[in-house]
């Protein structure tokens, strides 16, 4: 099992919409709003690193209103 936390910067005021969409993505275990440089933190689990990469690049980063991400892979 591979786990990562993804910090997301999104358009101002769109956080609730983005969190709702993120929660629908398979592999997303938790999505919550935070204060600071980033707006949302997402916890993702996948069977392997290739699947984790696919979830982040093909799903998380493509959510409407997401501007940037930073991925922290748990070791």
N, C-alpha and C. Protein backbone atom coordinates (compact mmCIF):
# COMPACT_ATOMS: atom_id res chain seq x y z
N UNK A 1 0.85 -1.18 0.00
CA UNK A 1 0.00 0.00 0.00
C UNK A 1 0.89 1.24 0.00
N UNK A 2 0.62 2.16 -0.91
CA UNK A 2 1.34 3.42 -0.99
C UNK A 2 0.40 4.54 -0.56
N UNK A 3 0.92 5.45 0.24
CA UNK A 3 0.11 6.53 0.79
C UNK A 3 0.79 7.86 0.53
N UNK A 4 -0.02 8.89 0.26
CA UNK A 4 0.51 10.24 0.06
C UNK A 4 -0.49 11.27 0.56
N UNK A 5 0.05 12.42 0.86
CA UNK A 5 -0.77 13.58 1.17
C UNK A 5 -0.50 14.59 0.06
N UNK A 6 -1.57 15.17 -0.46
CA UNK A 6 -1.44 16.15 -1.54
C UNK A 6 -1.99 17.49 -1.04
N UNK A 7 -1.12 18.50 -1.05
CA UNK A 7 -1.52 19.85 -0.69
C UNK A 7 -1.97 20.54 -1.97
N UNK A 8 -3.15 21.17 -1.91
CA UNK A 8 -3.75 21.75 -3.11
C UNK A 8 -4.01 23.24 -2.91
N UNK A 9 -3.63 24.01 -3.90
CA UNK A 9 -3.99 25.43 -3.97
C UNK A 9 -5.09 25.52 -5.01
N UNK A 10 -6.22 26.14 -4.65
CA UNK A 10 -7.32 26.25 -5.60
C UNK A 10 -7.82 27.70 -5.65
N UNK A 11 -8.73 27.93 -6.57
CA UNK A 11 -9.29 29.28 -6.72
C UNK A 11 -10.03 29.67 -5.43
N UNK A 12 -9.87 30.91 -5.04
CA UNK A 12 -10.49 31.41 -3.82
C UNK A 12 -12.01 31.24 -3.86
N UNK A 13 -12.55 30.70 -2.78
CA UNK A 13 -13.98 30.52 -2.66
C UNK A 13 -14.50 29.22 -3.27
N UNK A 14 -13.65 28.47 -3.93
CA UNK A 14 -14.06 27.23 -4.58
C UNK A 14 -13.72 25.99 -3.76
N UNK A 15 -13.19 26.18 -2.57
CA UNK A 15 -12.76 25.06 -1.74
C UNK A 15 -13.85 24.01 -1.50
N UNK A 16 -15.07 24.41 -1.12
CA UNK A 16 -16.10 23.38 -0.88
C UNK A 16 -16.40 22.53 -2.13
N UNK A 17 -16.45 23.16 -3.29
CA UNK A 17 -16.71 22.43 -4.54
C UNK A 17 -15.58 21.46 -4.84
N UNK A 18 -14.35 21.91 -4.65
CA UNK A 18 -13.18 21.08 -4.94
C UNK A 18 -13.13 19.90 -3.97
N UNK A 19 -13.36 20.14 -2.70
CA UNK A 19 -13.36 19.06 -1.71
C UNK A 19 -14.41 18.01 -2.05
N UNK A 20 -15.59 18.45 -2.46
CA UNK A 20 -16.66 17.52 -2.83
C UNK A 20 -16.23 16.64 -4.00
N UNK A 21 -15.62 17.23 -5.02
CA UNK A 21 -15.16 16.47 -6.19
C UNK A 21 -14.02 15.52 -5.83
N UNK A 22 -13.10 15.97 -4.99
CA UNK A 22 -11.98 15.14 -4.58
C UNK A 22 -12.47 13.90 -3.83
N UNK A 23 -13.48 14.07 -2.99
CA UNK A 23 -14.01 12.96 -2.20
C UNK A 23 -14.60 11.86 -3.07
N UNK A 24 -14.95 12.18 -4.31
CA UNK A 24 -15.53 11.20 -5.24
C UNK A 24 -14.47 10.37 -5.96
N UNK A 25 -13.21 10.75 -5.85
CA UNK A 25 -12.13 10.06 -6.56
C UNK A 25 -11.73 8.80 -5.80
N UNK A 26 -11.66 7.70 -6.52
CA UNK A 26 -11.26 6.43 -5.91
C UNK A 26 -9.82 6.54 -5.40
N UNK A 27 -9.61 6.14 -4.17
CA UNK A 27 -8.28 6.22 -3.55
C UNK A 27 -8.17 7.38 -2.58
N UNK A 28 -9.04 8.37 -2.71
CA UNK A 28 -9.01 9.50 -1.78
C UNK A 28 -9.68 9.07 -0.48
N UNK A 29 -8.93 9.09 0.59
CA UNK A 29 -9.43 8.66 1.90
C UNK A 29 -9.96 9.82 2.72
N UNK A 30 -9.42 11.00 2.48
CA UNK A 30 -9.84 12.17 3.24
C UNK A 30 -9.47 13.43 2.47
N UNK A 31 -10.32 14.43 2.52
CA UNK A 31 -10.04 15.73 1.91
C UNK A 31 -10.59 16.80 2.85
N UNK A 32 -9.73 17.74 3.23
CA UNK A 32 -10.17 18.76 4.18
C UNK A 32 -9.54 20.11 3.88
N UNK A 33 -10.26 21.15 4.20
CA UNK A 33 -9.76 22.50 4.04
C UNK A 33 -8.77 22.83 5.13
N UNK A 34 -7.74 23.60 4.78
CA UNK A 34 -6.73 24.04 5.74
C UNK A 34 -6.43 25.52 5.50
N UNK A 35 -5.80 26.15 6.48
CA UNK A 35 -5.39 27.54 6.34
C UNK A 35 -3.89 27.59 6.12
N UNK A 36 -3.44 28.51 5.31
CA UNK A 36 -2.01 28.66 5.05
C UNK A 36 -1.74 28.78 3.56
N UNK A 37 -0.56 28.37 3.15
CA UNK A 37 -0.14 28.47 1.75
C UNK A 37 -1.05 27.64 0.84
N UNK A 38 -1.52 26.50 1.34
CA UNK A 38 -2.41 25.64 0.57
C UNK A 38 -3.82 25.71 1.15
N UNK A 39 -4.80 25.33 0.36
CA UNK A 39 -6.20 25.43 0.75
C UNK A 39 -6.81 24.11 1.18
N UNK A 40 -6.29 23.01 0.64
CA UNK A 40 -6.87 21.68 0.87
C UNK A 40 -5.73 20.67 1.04
N UNK A 41 -5.93 19.73 1.94
CA UNK A 41 -5.03 18.59 2.08
C UNK A 41 -5.84 17.33 1.79
N UNK A 42 -5.27 16.46 0.95
CA UNK A 42 -5.95 15.23 0.56
C UNK A 42 -5.06 14.04 0.94
N UNK A 43 -5.67 13.04 1.56
CA UNK A 43 -4.98 11.79 1.88
C UNK A 43 -5.38 10.76 0.82
N UNK A 44 -4.39 10.16 0.19
CA UNK A 44 -4.65 9.19 -0.89
C UNK A 44 -3.92 7.89 -0.58
N UNK A 45 -4.60 6.77 -0.84
CA UNK A 45 -3.98 5.45 -0.72
C UNK A 45 -4.17 4.70 -2.02
N UNK A 46 -3.14 3.98 -2.43
CA UNK A 46 -3.19 3.19 -3.66
C UNK A 46 -2.38 1.91 -3.46
N UNK A 47 -2.62 0.93 -4.32
CA UNK A 47 -1.92 -0.35 -4.22
C UNK A 47 -0.42 -0.22 -4.48
N UNK A 48 -0.05 0.71 -5.37
CA UNK A 48 1.37 0.88 -5.72
C UNK A 48 1.62 2.31 -6.18
N UNK A 49 2.88 2.64 -6.39
CA UNK A 49 3.25 4.01 -6.75
C UNK A 49 2.74 4.42 -8.13
N UNK A 50 2.64 3.47 -9.05
CA UNK A 50 2.13 3.79 -10.40
C UNK A 50 0.66 4.20 -10.32
N UNK A 51 -0.11 3.49 -9.52
CA UNK A 51 -1.53 3.81 -9.35
C UNK A 51 -1.68 5.15 -8.64
N UNK A 52 -0.85 5.38 -7.65
CA UNK A 52 -0.87 6.65 -6.93
C UNK A 52 -0.59 7.80 -7.90
N UNK A 53 0.42 7.65 -8.73
CA UNK A 53 0.75 8.66 -9.73
C UNK A 53 -0.44 8.92 -10.66
N UNK A 54 -1.12 7.88 -11.08
CA UNK A 54 -2.27 8.01 -11.97
C UNK A 54 -3.42 8.77 -11.28
N UNK A 55 -3.68 8.45 -10.03
CA UNK A 55 -4.75 9.13 -9.29
C UNK A 55 -4.46 10.63 -9.22
N UNK A 56 -3.22 10.97 -8.92
CA UNK A 56 -2.86 12.39 -8.75
C UNK A 56 -2.85 13.12 -10.10
N UNK A 57 -2.18 12.56 -11.09
CA UNK A 57 -2.02 13.28 -12.36
C UNK A 57 -3.27 13.27 -13.23
N UNK A 58 -4.02 12.17 -13.21
CA UNK A 58 -5.17 12.07 -14.10
C UNK A 58 -6.49 12.46 -13.46
N UNK A 59 -6.51 12.53 -12.12
CA UNK A 59 -7.77 12.84 -11.46
C UNK A 59 -7.69 14.07 -10.57
N UNK A 60 -6.82 14.06 -9.57
CA UNK A 60 -6.74 15.17 -8.63
C UNK A 60 -6.39 16.48 -9.34
N UNK A 61 -5.35 16.48 -10.14
CA UNK A 61 -4.91 17.71 -10.80
C UNK A 61 -5.88 18.21 -11.86
N UNK A 62 -6.79 17.36 -12.29
CA UNK A 62 -7.75 17.75 -13.33
C UNK A 62 -9.07 18.27 -12.76
N UNK A 63 -9.22 18.25 -11.45
CA UNK A 63 -10.43 18.78 -10.83
C UNK A 63 -10.51 20.28 -11.14
N UNK A 64 -11.68 20.70 -11.60
CA UNK A 64 -11.89 22.10 -11.96
C UNK A 64 -11.61 22.99 -10.74
N UNK A 65 -10.92 24.09 -10.94
CA UNK A 65 -10.54 25.09 -9.94
C UNK A 65 -9.25 24.76 -9.19
N UNK A 66 -8.64 23.57 -9.41
CA UNK A 66 -7.34 23.27 -8.81
C UNK A 66 -6.27 24.01 -9.59
N UNK A 67 -5.45 24.81 -8.90
CA UNK A 67 -4.41 25.60 -9.54
C UNK A 67 -3.03 24.94 -9.46
N UNK A 68 -2.71 24.34 -8.31
CA UNK A 68 -1.42 23.68 -8.15
C UNK A 68 -1.50 22.64 -7.04
N UNK A 69 -0.55 21.71 -7.07
CA UNK A 69 -0.49 20.67 -6.04
C UNK A 69 0.95 20.45 -5.61
N UNK A 70 1.09 19.89 -4.40
CA UNK A 70 2.39 19.43 -3.90
C UNK A 70 2.14 18.08 -3.24
N UNK A 71 2.83 17.06 -3.72
CA UNK A 71 2.63 15.71 -3.23
C UNK A 71 3.71 15.33 -2.23
N UNK A 72 3.27 14.78 -1.10
CA UNK A 72 4.16 14.29 -0.06
C UNK A 72 3.90 12.81 0.09
N UNK A 73 4.84 11.97 -0.37
CA UNK A 73 4.67 10.52 -0.31
C UNK A 73 5.17 10.02 1.05
N UNK A 74 4.34 9.22 1.69
CA UNK A 74 4.68 8.66 3.00
C UNK A 74 5.69 7.53 2.79
N UNK A 75 6.78 7.54 3.59
CA UNK A 75 7.80 6.49 3.49
C UNK A 75 7.77 5.59 4.70
